[in-house]
Protein backbone atom coordinates (compact mmCIF):
# COMPACT_ATOMS: atom_id res chain seq x y z
CA MET A 1 -56.09 -10.78 43.14
CA THR A 2 -53.66 -8.74 42.10
CA MET A 3 -52.44 -7.11 45.32
CA HIS A 4 -52.60 -10.64 46.75
CA LEU A 5 -49.87 -12.17 44.44
CA GLU A 6 -47.79 -9.03 44.70
CA ASP A 7 -48.19 -9.34 48.78
CA SER A 8 -47.45 -13.02 48.28
CA LEU A 9 -43.86 -12.64 46.68
CA ASP A 10 -41.69 -13.05 49.27
CA ASP A 11 -43.26 -15.25 51.70
CA TRP A 12 -45.05 -17.95 49.54
CA PHE A 13 -43.96 -17.37 46.58
CA ASP A 14 -40.35 -18.07 47.43
CA GLU A 15 -41.03 -20.80 48.99
CA GLN A 16 -42.71 -22.94 46.24
CA LEU A 17 -39.82 -21.30 44.07
CA GLU A 18 -37.49 -23.38 46.06
CA ASN A 19 -39.10 -26.59 44.90
CA TYR A 20 -37.43 -26.60 41.57
CA LEU A 21 -34.25 -27.20 39.86
CA ASP A 22 -31.76 -24.85 37.61
CA ASP A 23 -33.22 -27.18 34.22
CA ASP A 24 -37.01 -27.21 35.26
CA TYR A 25 -39.31 -24.51 33.05
CA LEU A 26 -41.78 -22.47 34.61
CA VAL A 27 -44.68 -21.56 32.50
CA PHE A 28 -47.37 -18.81 33.57
CA ASP A 29 -50.57 -18.60 32.08
CA CYS A 30 -51.81 -15.27 31.53
CA PRO A 31 -55.04 -13.92 30.46
CA GLY A 32 -55.55 -13.44 27.09
CA GLN A 33 -56.32 -9.52 27.85
CA ILE A 34 -52.81 -8.15 27.00
CA GLU A 35 -54.84 -4.75 28.65
CA LEU A 36 -55.02 -6.28 32.05
CA PHE A 37 -51.34 -6.24 32.11
CA THR A 38 -50.77 -2.96 30.30
CA HIS A 39 -52.41 -0.25 33.03
CA VAL A 40 -51.30 -1.79 36.35
CA PRO A 41 -47.62 -2.86 37.19
CA VAL A 42 -48.33 -6.48 38.91
CA LEU A 43 -46.93 -8.05 36.16
CA ARG A 44 -43.75 -6.35 35.74
CA ASN A 45 -43.20 -6.13 39.66
CA PHE A 46 -43.98 -10.41 39.08
CA VAL A 47 -40.97 -10.76 35.98
CA GLU A 48 -38.80 -8.12 38.39
CA HIS A 49 -38.90 -10.58 41.65
CA LEU A 50 -37.94 -13.69 39.20
CA LYS A 51 -34.89 -11.74 37.57
CA ARG A 52 -34.30 -10.87 41.43
CA LYS A 53 -33.74 -15.19 42.54
CA ILE A 54 -31.84 -15.20 39.32
CA PHE A 55 -34.17 -16.58 37.09
CA ASN A 56 -34.33 -15.98 33.37
CA VAL A 57 -37.51 -14.62 32.11
CA CYS A 58 -39.07 -15.38 28.09
CA ALA A 59 -42.65 -13.87 27.68
CA VAL A 60 -44.34 -14.84 24.27
CA TYR A 61 -47.40 -13.24 23.54
CA LEU A 62 -49.80 -15.83 20.92
CA LEU A 63 -52.32 -14.31 19.17
CA ASP A 64 -54.83 -16.18 17.63
CA SER A 65 -55.89 -15.23 13.83
CA ARG A 66 -58.99 -16.26 11.57
CA VAL A 67 -58.29 -16.50 7.85
């Protein structure tokens, strides 16, 4: 799955990004296990690709807590 995303960034993904306007927000919901993204470079490459396309990027990590 991650290889497919990285391989498609310059083709399919760029084509999809053209449909959004400057004031649009894109939300990417990733799986909740942060460990999935700390040991492989796919998320970092994804963010770098968005930044090269002049998108502002903000990451939010939400954690459920039990009292």
